All heavy atoms as atom14 arrays in JSON, in Angstrom:
{
  "sequence": "SGVAHAITAAQRIDFDRKRDRAEVAIKAATGAATTAGASPIPFSD",
  "atom14_mask": [
    [1, 1, 1, 1, 1, 1, 0, 0, 0, 0, 0, 0, 0, 0],
    [1, 1, 1, 1, 0, 0, 0, 0, 0, 0, 0, 0, 0, 0],
    [1, 1, 1, 1, 1, 1, 1, 0, 0, 0, 0, 0, 0, 0],
    [1, 1, 1, 1, 1, 0, 0, 0, 0, 0, 0, 0, 0, 0],
    [1, 1, 1, 1, 1, 1, 1, 1, 1, 1, 0, 0, 0, 0],
    [1, 1, 1, 1, 1, 0, 0, 0, 0, 0, 0, 0, 0, 0],
    [1, 1, 1, 1, 1, 1, 1, 1, 0, 0, 0, 0, 0, 0],
    [1, 1, 1, 1, 1, 1, 1, 0, 0, 0, 0, 0, 0, 0],
    [1, 1, 1, 1, 1, 0, 0, 0, 0, 0, 0, 0, 0, 0],
    [1, 1, 1, 1, 1, 0, 0, 0, 0, 0, 0, 0, 0, 0],
    [1, 1, 1, 1, 1, 1, 1, 1, 1, 0, 0, 0, 0, 0],
    [1, 1, 1, 1, 1, 1, 1, 1, 1, 1, 1, 0, 0, 0],
    [1, 1, 1, 1, 1, 1, 1, 1, 0, 0, 0, 0, 0, 0],
    [1, 1, 1, 1, 1, 1, 1, 1, 0, 0, 0, 0, 0, 0],
    [1, 1, 1, 1, 1, 1, 1, 1, 1, 1, 1, 0, 0, 0],
    [1, 1, 1, 1, 1, 1, 1, 1, 0, 0, 0, 0, 0, 0],
    [1, 1, 1, 1, 1, 1, 1, 1, 1, 1, 1, 0, 0, 0],
    [1, 1, 1, 1, 1, 1, 1, 1, 1, 0, 0, 0, 0, 0],
    [1, 1, 1, 1, 1, 1, 1, 1, 1, 1, 1, 0, 0, 0],
    [1, 1, 1, 1, 1, 1, 1, 1, 0, 0, 0, 0, 0, 0],
    [1, 1, 1, 1, 1, 1, 1, 1, 1, 1, 1, 0, 0, 0],
    [1, 1, 1, 1, 1, 0, 0, 0, 0, 0, 0, 0, 0, 0],
    [1, 1, 1, 1, 1, 1, 1, 1, 1, 0, 0, 0, 0, 0],
    [1, 1, 1, 1, 1, 1, 1, 0, 0, 0, 0, 0, 0, 0],
    [1, 1, 1, 1, 1, 0, 0, 0, 0, 0, 0, 0, 0, 0],
    [1, 1, 1, 1, 1, 1, 1, 1, 0, 0, 0, 0, 0, 0],
    [1, 1, 1, 1, 1, 1, 1, 1, 1, 0, 0, 0, 0, 0],
    [1, 1, 1, 1, 1, 0, 0, 0, 0, 0, 0, 0, 0, 0],
    [1, 1, 1, 1, 1, 0, 0, 0, 0, 0, 0, 0, 0, 0],
    [1, 1, 1, 1, 1, 1, 1, 0, 0, 0, 0, 0, 0, 0],
    [1, 1, 1, 1, 0, 0, 0, 0, 0, 0, 0, 0, 0, 0],
    [1, 1, 1, 1, 1, 0, 0, 0, 0, 0, 0, 0, 0, 0],
    [1, 1, 1, 1, 1, 0, 0, 0, 0, 0, 0, 0, 0, 0],
    [1, 1, 1, 1, 1, 1, 1, 0, 0, 0, 0, 0, 0, 0],
    [1, 1, 1, 1, 1, 1, 1, 0, 0, 0, 0, 0, 0, 0],
    [1, 1, 1, 1, 1, 0, 0, 0, 0, 0, 0, 0, 0, 0],
    [1, 1, 1, 1, 0, 0, 0, 0, 0, 0, 0, 0, 0, 0],
    [1, 1, 1, 1, 1, 0, 0, 0, 0, 0, 0, 0, 0, 0],
    [1, 1, 1, 1, 1, 1, 0, 0, 0, 0, 0, 0, 0, 0],
    [1, 1, 1, 1, 1, 1, 1, 0, 0, 0, 0, 0, 0, 0],
    [1, 1, 1, 1, 1, 1, 1, 1, 0, 0, 0, 0, 0, 0],
    [1, 1, 1, 1, 1, 1, 1, 0, 0, 0, 0, 0, 0, 0],
    [1, 1, 1, 1, 1, 1, 1, 1, 1, 1, 1, 0, 0, 0],
    [1, 1, 1, 1, 1, 1, 0, 0, 0, 0, 0, 0, 0, 0],
    [1, 1, 1, 1, 1, 1, 1, 1, 0, 0, 0, 0, 0, 0]
  ],
  "atom14_positions": [
    [[30.11, -6.17, 25.07], [30.91, -6.78, 26.21], [31.03, -5.75, 27.44], [31.14, -6.28, 28.5], [32.28, -7.25, 25.83], [33.06, -6.12, 25.32], [0.0, 0.0, 0.0], [0.0, 0.0, 0.0], [0.0, 0.0, 0.0], [0.0, 0.0, 0.0], [0.0, 0.0, 0.0], [0.0, 0.0, 0.0], [0.0, 0.0, 0.0], [0.0, 0.0, 0.0]],
    [[30.94, -4.55, 27.11], [31.1, -3.47, 28.1], [29.93, -3.57, 29.24], [30.02, -2.89, 30.18], [0.0, 0.0, 0.0], [0.0, 0.0, 0.0], [0.0, 0.0, 0.0], [0.0, 0.0, 0.0], [0.0, 0.0, 0.0], [0.0, 0.0, 0.0], [0.0, 0.0, 0.0], [0.0, 0.0, 0.0], [0.0, 0.0, 0.0], [0.0, 0.0, 0.0]],
    [[28.84, -4.31, 28.93], [27.64, -4.26, 29.84], [27.59, -5.7, 30.44], [26.55, -5.93, 31.1], [26.37, -3.79, 29.29], [26.55, -2.33, 28.89], [26.04, -4.58, 28.06], [0.0, 0.0, 0.0], [0.0, 0.0, 0.0], [0.0, 0.0, 0.0], [0.0, 0.0, 0.0], [0.0, 0.0, 0.0], [0.0, 0.0, 0.0], [0.0, 0.0, 0.0]],
    [[28.52, -6.52, 30.2], [28.43, -8.0, 30.82], [28.29, -8.01, 32.34], [27.56, -8.68, 32.86], [29.59, -8.83, 30.24], [0.0, 0.0, 0.0], [0.0, 0.0, 0.0], [0.0, 0.0, 0.0], [0.0, 0.0, 0.0], [0.0, 0.0, 0.0], [0.0, 0.0, 0.0], [0.0, 0.0, 0.0], [0.0, 0.0, 0.0], [0.0, 0.0, 0.0]],
    [[29.04, -7.15, 32.88], [29.11, -7.12, 34.3], [27.66, -6.57, 34.88], [27.13, -7.12, 35.81], [30.19, -6.27, 35.04], [30.52, -6.5, 36.41], [31.55, -5.93, 37.04], [29.75, -7.04, 37.32], [31.5, -6.32, 38.31], [30.53, -6.97, 38.54], [0.0, 0.0, 0.0], [0.0, 0.0, 0.0], [0.0, 0.0, 0.0], [0.0, 0.0, 0.0]],
    [[27.12, -5.7, 34.19], [25.77, -5.18, 34.62], [24.73, -6.16, 34.44], [23.87, -6.27, 35.3], [25.53, -3.86, 33.84], [0.0, 0.0, 0.0], [0.0, 0.0, 0.0], [0.0, 0.0, 0.0], [0.0, 0.0, 0.0], [0.0, 0.0, 0.0], [0.0, 0.0, 0.0], [0.0, 0.0, 0.0], [0.0, 0.0, 0.0], [0.0, 0.0, 0.0]],
    [[24.84, -6.93, 33.29], [23.88, -8.07, 33.15], [24.08, -9.1, 34.33], [23.02, -9.61, 34.77], [24.05, -8.76, 31.71], [23.93, -7.79, 30.56], [22.95, -9.85, 31.59], [24.22, -8.35, 29.22], [0.0, 0.0, 0.0], [0.0, 0.0, 0.0], [0.0, 0.0, 0.0], [0.0, 0.0, 0.0], [0.0, 0.0, 0.0], [0.0, 0.0, 0.0]],
    [[25.21, -9.5, 34.48], [25.53, -10.46, 35.52], [24.92, -9.95, 36.92], [24.38, -10.76, 37.63], [27.09, -10.63, 35.71], [27.64, -11.12, 34.6], [27.44, -11.64, 36.79], [0.0, 0.0, 0.0], [0.0, 0.0, 0.0], [0.0, 0.0, 0.0], [0.0, 0.0, 0.0], [0.0, 0.0, 0.0], [0.0, 0.0, 0.0], [0.0, 0.0, 0.0]],
    [[25.1, -8.71, 37.19], [24.56, -8.2, 38.46], [23.07, -8.15, 38.48], [22.39, -8.39, 39.53], [25.1, -6.77, 38.7], [0.0, 0.0, 0.0], [0.0, 0.0, 0.0], [0.0, 0.0, 0.0], [0.0, 0.0, 0.0], [0.0, 0.0, 0.0], [0.0, 0.0, 0.0], [0.0, 0.0, 0.0], [0.0, 0.0, 0.0], [0.0, 0.0, 0.0]],
    [[22.45, -7.81, 37.34], [20.96, -7.61, 37.28], [20.21, -8.99, 37.29], [19.08, -9.04, 37.88], [20.62, -6.78, 36.04], [0.0, 0.0, 0.0], [0.0, 0.0, 0.0], [0.0, 0.0, 0.0], [0.0, 0.0, 0.0], [0.0, 0.0, 0.0], [0.0, 0.0, 0.0], [0.0, 0.0, 0.0], [0.0, 0.0, 0.0], [0.0, 0.0, 0.0]],
    [[20.79, -9.91, 36.62], [20.01, -11.24, 36.48], [19.96, -12.0, 37.84], [20.82, -11.85, 38.74], [20.63, -12.06, 35.43], [22.06, -12.49, 35.48], [22.29, -13.69, 36.39], [21.46, -14.51, 36.53], [23.51, -13.81, 36.88], [0.0, 0.0, 0.0], [0.0, 0.0, 0.0], [0.0, 0.0, 0.0], [0.0, 0.0, 0.0], [0.0, 0.0, 0.0]],
    [[19.01, -12.93, 37.98], [18.85, -13.6, 39.29], [18.87, -15.16, 39.14], [18.37, -15.84, 40.12], [17.47, -13.17, 39.92], [17.34, -11.67, 40.23], [18.32, -11.31, 41.45], [18.05, -9.9, 41.82], [18.67, -8.83, 41.45], [19.5, -8.99, 40.38], [18.41, -7.71, 41.83], [0.0, 0.0, 0.0], [0.0, 0.0, 0.0], [0.0, 0.0, 0.0]],
    [[19.25, -15.64, 37.97], [19.18, -17.06, 37.73], [20.5, -17.76, 37.69], [20.47, -19.0, 37.81], [18.21, -17.3, 36.61], [18.86, -16.89, 35.33], [16.86, -16.78, 36.85], [17.94, -17.32, 34.02], [0.0, 0.0, 0.0], [0.0, 0.0, 0.0], [0.0, 0.0, 0.0], [0.0, 0.0, 0.0], [0.0, 0.0, 0.0], [0.0, 0.0, 0.0]],
    [[21.52, -16.99, 37.34], [22.76, -17.62, 36.97], [23.86, -17.27, 38.05], [24.57, -16.28, 37.86], [23.25, -17.29, 35.58], [24.47, -18.16, 35.08], [25.14, -18.66, 36.03], [24.73, -18.15, 33.84], [0.0, 0.0, 0.0], [0.0, 0.0, 0.0], [0.0, 0.0, 0.0], [0.0, 0.0, 0.0], [0.0, 0.0, 0.0], [0.0, 0.0, 0.0]],
    [[23.86, -18.13, 38.99], [24.79, -17.76, 40.12], [26.33, -18.15, 39.86], [27.11, -17.63, 40.47], [24.3, -18.5, 41.39], [23.25, -17.81, 42.12], [21.9, -18.03, 41.7], [23.46, -16.9, 43.08], [20.88, -17.4, 42.37], [22.41, -16.22, 43.76], [21.11, -16.39, 43.29], [0.0, 0.0, 0.0], [0.0, 0.0, 0.0], [0.0, 0.0, 0.0]],
    [[26.44, -18.98, 38.88], [27.85, -19.29, 38.42], [28.58, -18.0, 37.83], [29.64, -17.67, 38.16], [27.97, -20.45, 37.36], [27.57, -21.75, 37.86], [27.67, -21.81, 39.12], [27.24, -22.68, 37.17], [0.0, 0.0, 0.0], [0.0, 0.0, 0.0], [0.0, 0.0, 0.0], [0.0, 0.0, 0.0], [0.0, 0.0, 0.0], [0.0, 0.0, 0.0]],
    [[27.77, -17.24, 36.96], [28.39, -16.12, 36.5], [28.6, -15.03, 37.6], [29.67, -14.31, 37.57], [27.26, -15.47, 35.42], [27.44, -16.09, 34.07], [26.71, -15.2, 33.11], [27.0, -15.51, 31.7], [26.3, -16.31, 30.96], [25.12, -16.8, 31.34], [26.66, -16.46, 29.62], [0.0, 0.0, 0.0], [0.0, 0.0, 0.0], [0.0, 0.0, 0.0]],
    [[27.74, -15.02, 38.56], [27.93, -13.99, 39.68], [29.2, -14.36, 40.44], [30.02, -13.54, 40.79], [26.76, -14.05, 40.61], [25.39, -13.34, 40.06], [24.39, -13.4, 41.05], [23.09, -12.63, 40.53], [23.31, -11.16, 40.33], [0.0, 0.0, 0.0], [0.0, 0.0, 0.0], [0.0, 0.0, 0.0], [0.0, 0.0, 0.0], [0.0, 0.0, 0.0]],
    [[29.36, -15.77, 40.66], [30.49, -16.23, 41.41], [31.82, -15.93, 40.59], [32.79, -15.49, 41.24], [30.31, -17.66, 41.66], [31.24, -18.25, 42.89], [30.93, -19.59, 43.23], [29.53, -19.76, 43.57], [28.57, -20.5, 42.82], [28.93, -21.1, 41.71], [27.41, -20.65, 43.35], [0.0, 0.0, 0.0], [0.0, 0.0, 0.0], [0.0, 0.0, 0.0]],
    [[31.75, -16.1, 39.48], [33.01, -15.87, 38.6], [33.37, -14.43, 38.66], [34.54, -14.1, 38.73], [32.8, -16.31, 37.2], [32.78, -17.81, 36.92], [33.05, -18.62, 37.87], [32.13, -18.24, 35.89], [0.0, 0.0, 0.0], [0.0, 0.0, 0.0], [0.0, 0.0, 0.0], [0.0, 0.0, 0.0], [0.0, 0.0, 0.0], [0.0, 0.0, 0.0]],
    [[32.45, -13.48, 38.59], [32.63, -12.12, 38.61], [33.2, -11.74, 40.03], [34.13, -10.9, 40.14], [31.42, -11.22, 38.36], [31.14, -11.09, 36.93], [31.98, -10.0, 36.3], [31.68, -9.86, 34.89], [32.39, -9.04, 34.0], [33.24, -8.25, 34.62], [32.04, -9.01, 32.78], [0.0, 0.0, 0.0], [0.0, 0.0, 0.0], [0.0, 0.0, 0.0]],
    [[32.71, -12.3, 41.1], [33.07, -12.11, 42.39], [34.49, -12.61, 42.66], [35.38, -11.85, 43.24], [32.15, -12.76, 43.42], [0.0, 0.0, 0.0], [0.0, 0.0, 0.0], [0.0, 0.0, 0.0], [0.0, 0.0, 0.0], [0.0, 0.0, 0.0], [0.0, 0.0, 0.0], [0.0, 0.0, 0.0], [0.0, 0.0, 0.0], [0.0, 0.0, 0.0]],
    [[34.89, -13.7, 42.03], [36.25, -14.16, 42.14], [37.25, -13.22, 41.57], [38.43, -13.13, 42.06], [36.3, -15.51, 41.43], [35.49, -16.69, 42.12], [36.34, -17.25, 43.26], [37.46, -16.79, 43.66], [35.81, -18.27, 43.87], [0.0, 0.0, 0.0], [0.0, 0.0, 0.0], [0.0, 0.0, 0.0], [0.0, 0.0, 0.0], [0.0, 0.0, 0.0]],
    [[36.88, -12.54, 40.46], [37.8, -11.6, 39.78], [38.0, -10.5, 40.81], [39.14, -9.99, 40.94], [37.12, -11.12, 38.49], [37.87, -9.94, 37.93], [37.13, -12.18, 37.45], [0.0, 0.0, 0.0], [0.0, 0.0, 0.0], [0.0, 0.0, 0.0], [0.0, 0.0, 0.0], [0.0, 0.0, 0.0], [0.0, 0.0, 0.0], [0.0, 0.0, 0.0]],
    [[37.01, -10.09, 41.43], [37.2, -8.95, 42.38], [38.07, -9.28, 43.57], [38.89, -8.56, 44.01], [35.8, -8.47, 42.93], [0.0, 0.0, 0.0], [0.0, 0.0, 0.0], [0.0, 0.0, 0.0], [0.0, 0.0, 0.0], [0.0, 0.0, 0.0], [0.0, 0.0, 0.0], [0.0, 0.0, 0.0], [0.0, 0.0, 0.0], [0.0, 0.0, 0.0]],
    [[37.93, -10.66, 44.03], [38.67, -11.11, 45.18], [40.1, -11.27, 44.66], [41.13, -10.92, 45.51], [38.17, -12.52, 45.65], [36.78, -12.29, 46.19], [39.2, -13.11, 46.66], [36.11, -13.58, 46.52], [0.0, 0.0, 0.0], [0.0, 0.0, 0.0], [0.0, 0.0, 0.0], [0.0, 0.0, 0.0], [0.0, 0.0, 0.0], [0.0, 0.0, 0.0]],
    [[40.45, -11.73, 43.51], [41.84, -11.88, 43.09], [42.43, -10.59, 42.97], [43.63, -10.39, 43.34], [41.81, -12.57, 41.76], [43.1, -12.91, 41.19], [43.14, -13.54, 39.86], [44.44, -13.91, 39.29], [44.42, -14.65, 38.02], [0.0, 0.0, 0.0], [0.0, 0.0, 0.0], [0.0, 0.0, 0.0], [0.0, 0.0, 0.0], [0.0, 0.0, 0.0]],
    [[41.71, -9.56, 42.41], [42.41, -8.19, 42.27], [42.71, -7.62, 43.62], [43.67, -7.07, 43.8], [41.53, -7.32, 41.47], [0.0, 0.0, 0.0], [0.0, 0.0, 0.0], [0.0, 0.0, 0.0], [0.0, 0.0, 0.0], [0.0, 0.0, 0.0], [0.0, 0.0, 0.0], [0.0, 0.0, 0.0], [0.0, 0.0, 0.0], [0.0, 0.0, 0.0]],
    [[41.71, -7.82, 44.54], [41.86, -7.14, 45.91], [43.03, -7.84, 46.65], [43.8, -7.19, 47.39], [40.61, -7.24, 46.69], [0.0, 0.0, 0.0], [0.0, 0.0, 0.0], [0.0, 0.0, 0.0], [0.0, 0.0, 0.0], [0.0, 0.0, 0.0], [0.0, 0.0, 0.0], [0.0, 0.0, 0.0], [0.0, 0.0, 0.0], [0.0, 0.0, 0.0]],
    [[43.16, -9.18, 46.45], [44.15, -9.94, 47.14], [45.48, -9.47, 46.69], [46.51, -9.31, 47.49], [43.95, -11.47, 46.93], [42.71, -11.88, 47.47], [45.17, -12.25, 47.59], [0.0, 0.0, 0.0], [0.0, 0.0, 0.0], [0.0, 0.0, 0.0], [0.0, 0.0, 0.0], [0.0, 0.0, 0.0], [0.0, 0.0, 0.0], [0.0, 0.0, 0.0]],
    [[45.73, -9.35, 45.36], [46.9, -8.85, 44.82], [47.28, -7.43, 45.28], [48.45, -7.17, 45.61], [0.0, 0.0, 0.0], [0.0, 0.0, 0.0], [0.0, 0.0, 0.0], [0.0, 0.0, 0.0], [0.0, 0.0, 0.0], [0.0, 0.0, 0.0], [0.0, 0.0, 0.0], [0.0, 0.0, 0.0], [0.0, 0.0, 0.0], [0.0, 0.0, 0.0]],
    [[46.31, -6.58, 45.26], [46.49, -5.19, 45.78], [46.88, -5.12, 47.34], [47.71, -4.49, 47.63], [45.3, -4.33, 45.47], [0.0, 0.0, 0.0], [0.0, 0.0, 0.0], [0.0, 0.0, 0.0], [0.0, 0.0, 0.0], [0.0, 0.0, 0.0], [0.0, 0.0, 0.0], [0.0, 0.0, 0.0], [0.0, 0.0, 0.0], [0.0, 0.0, 0.0]],
    [[46.21, -5.98, 48.06], [46.44, -5.99, 49.5], [47.85, -6.57, 49.74], [48.55, -6.21, 50.61], [45.34, -6.87, 50.23], [0.0, 0.0, 0.0], [0.0, 0.0, 0.0], [0.0, 0.0, 0.0], [0.0, 0.0, 0.0], [0.0, 0.0, 0.0], [0.0, 0.0, 0.0], [0.0, 0.0, 0.0], [0.0, 0.0, 0.0], [0.0, 0.0, 0.0]],
    [[48.21, -7.59, 49.01], [49.56, -8.1, 49.12], [50.66, -7.07, 48.89], [51.67, -6.99, 49.62], [49.68, -9.45, 48.24], [48.82, -10.32, 48.53], [51.2, -10.0, 48.38], [0.0, 0.0, 0.0], [0.0, 0.0, 0.0], [0.0, 0.0, 0.0], [0.0, 0.0, 0.0], [0.0, 0.0, 0.0], [0.0, 0.0, 0.0], [0.0, 0.0, 0.0]],
    [[50.51, -6.37, 47.77], [51.41, -5.31, 47.53], [51.48, -4.27, 48.59], [52.48, -3.75, 48.97], [51.06, -4.63, 46.14], [51.04, -5.62, 45.16], [52.05, -3.5, 45.76], [0.0, 0.0, 0.0], [0.0, 0.0, 0.0], [0.0, 0.0, 0.0], [0.0, 0.0, 0.0], [0.0, 0.0, 0.0], [0.0, 0.0, 0.0], [0.0, 0.0, 0.0]],
    [[50.29, -3.87, 49.07], [50.19, -2.83, 50.16], [50.88, -3.42, 51.37], [51.59, -2.65, 52.08], [48.77, -2.41, 50.27], [0.0, 0.0, 0.0], [0.0, 0.0, 0.0], [0.0, 0.0, 0.0], [0.0, 0.0, 0.0], [0.0, 0.0, 0.0], [0.0, 0.0, 0.0], [0.0, 0.0, 0.0], [0.0, 0.0, 0.0], [0.0, 0.0, 0.0]],
    [[50.59, -4.64, 51.7], [51.1, -5.2, 52.92], [52.64, -5.39, 52.85], [53.28, -5.46, 53.95], [0.0, 0.0, 0.0], [0.0, 0.0, 0.0], [0.0, 0.0, 0.0], [0.0, 0.0, 0.0], [0.0, 0.0, 0.0], [0.0, 0.0, 0.0], [0.0, 0.0, 0.0], [0.0, 0.0, 0.0], [0.0, 0.0, 0.0], [0.0, 0.0, 0.0]],
    [[53.16, -5.38, 51.72], [54.68, -5.56, 51.61], [55.39, -4.21, 51.88], [56.67, -4.29, 52.1], [55.0, -6.07, 50.2], [0.0, 0.0, 0.0], [0.0, 0.0, 0.0], [0.0, 0.0, 0.0], [0.0, 0.0, 0.0], [0.0, 0.0, 0.0], [0.0, 0.0, 0.0], [0.0, 0.0, 0.0], [0.0, 0.0, 0.0], [0.0, 0.0, 0.0]],
    [[54.68, -3.09, 51.81], [55.34, -1.92, 52.27], [55.53, -1.82, 53.77], [54.87, -2.51, 54.47], [54.48, -0.77, 51.78], [53.22, -0.85, 52.39], [0.0, 0.0, 0.0], [0.0, 0.0, 0.0], [0.0, 0.0, 0.0], [0.0, 0.0, 0.0], [0.0, 0.0, 0.0], [0.0, 0.0, 0.0], [0.0, 0.0, 0.0], [0.0, 0.0, 0.0]],
    [[56.55, -1.18, 54.25], [57.02, -1.18, 55.62], [56.03, -0.32, 56.59], [56.41, 0.56, 57.16], [58.39, -0.56, 55.66], [58.31, 0.43, 54.43], [57.43, -0.24, 53.46], [0.0, 0.0, 0.0], [0.0, 0.0, 0.0], [0.0, 0.0, 0.0], [0.0, 0.0, 0.0], [0.0, 0.0, 0.0], [0.0, 0.0, 0.0], [0.0, 0.0, 0.0]],
    [[54.81, -0.98, 56.65], [53.88, -0.36, 57.67], [53.29, -1.49, 58.6], [53.1, -2.56, 58.09], [52.7, 0.34, 56.9], [51.97, -0.58, 56.04], [53.13, 1.53, 56.14], [50.72, -0.01, 55.49], [0.0, 0.0, 0.0], [0.0, 0.0, 0.0], [0.0, 0.0, 0.0], [0.0, 0.0, 0.0], [0.0, 0.0, 0.0], [0.0, 0.0, 0.0]],
    [[53.03, -1.26, 59.8], [52.56, -2.29, 60.74], [51.17, -2.69, 60.12], [50.41, -1.85, 59.7], [52.48, -1.6, 62.03], [53.42, -0.42, 61.98], [53.37, 0.07, 60.49], [0.0, 0.0, 0.0], [0.0, 0.0, 0.0], [0.0, 0.0, 0.0], [0.0, 0.0, 0.0], [0.0, 0.0, 0.0], [0.0, 0.0, 0.0], [0.0, 0.0, 0.0]],
    [[50.82, -4.02, 60.23], [49.5, -4.47, 59.82], [48.47, -3.83, 60.73], [47.34, -3.69, 60.24], [49.48, -5.92, 59.97], [48.09, -6.48, 59.48], [47.89, -6.64, 58.22], [47.23, -7.0, 60.36], [46.65, -7.17, 57.69], [46.06, -7.5, 59.89], [45.77, -7.56, 58.67], [0.0, 0.0, 0.0], [0.0, 0.0, 0.0], [0.0, 0.0, 0.0]],
    [[48.82, -3.56, 61.91], [47.69, -2.93, 62.8], [47.21, -1.56, 62.27], [46.14, -1.1, 62.53], [48.26, -2.73, 64.18], [49.47, -1.98, 64.16], [0.0, 0.0, 0.0], [0.0, 0.0, 0.0], [0.0, 0.0, 0.0], [0.0, 0.0, 0.0], [0.0, 0.0, 0.0], [0.0, 0.0, 0.0], [0.0, 0.0, 0.0], [0.0, 0.0, 0.0]],
    [[48.09, -0.86, 61.47], [47.79, 0.37, 60.86], [47.24, 0.03, 59.42], [47.86, 0.04, 58.45], [49.02, 1.31, 60.68], [48.54, 2.58, 60.13], [47.36, 2.73, 59.86], [49.5, 3.35, 59.68], [0.0, 0.0, 0.0], [0.0, 0.0, 0.0], [0.0, 0.0, 0.0], [0.0, 0.0, 0.0], [0.0, 0.0, 0.0], [0.0, 0.0, 0.0]]
  ]
}
């Protein structure tokens, strides 16, 4: 299971698997950005 992401990235025929992996990255980044944005800093910074 530890190389599943590498197989997903290497293969060129299953775009559903690629999209699912990308969605995981987006979800994690959205959560991290929301937490960061909640701190008292201007968005412009």
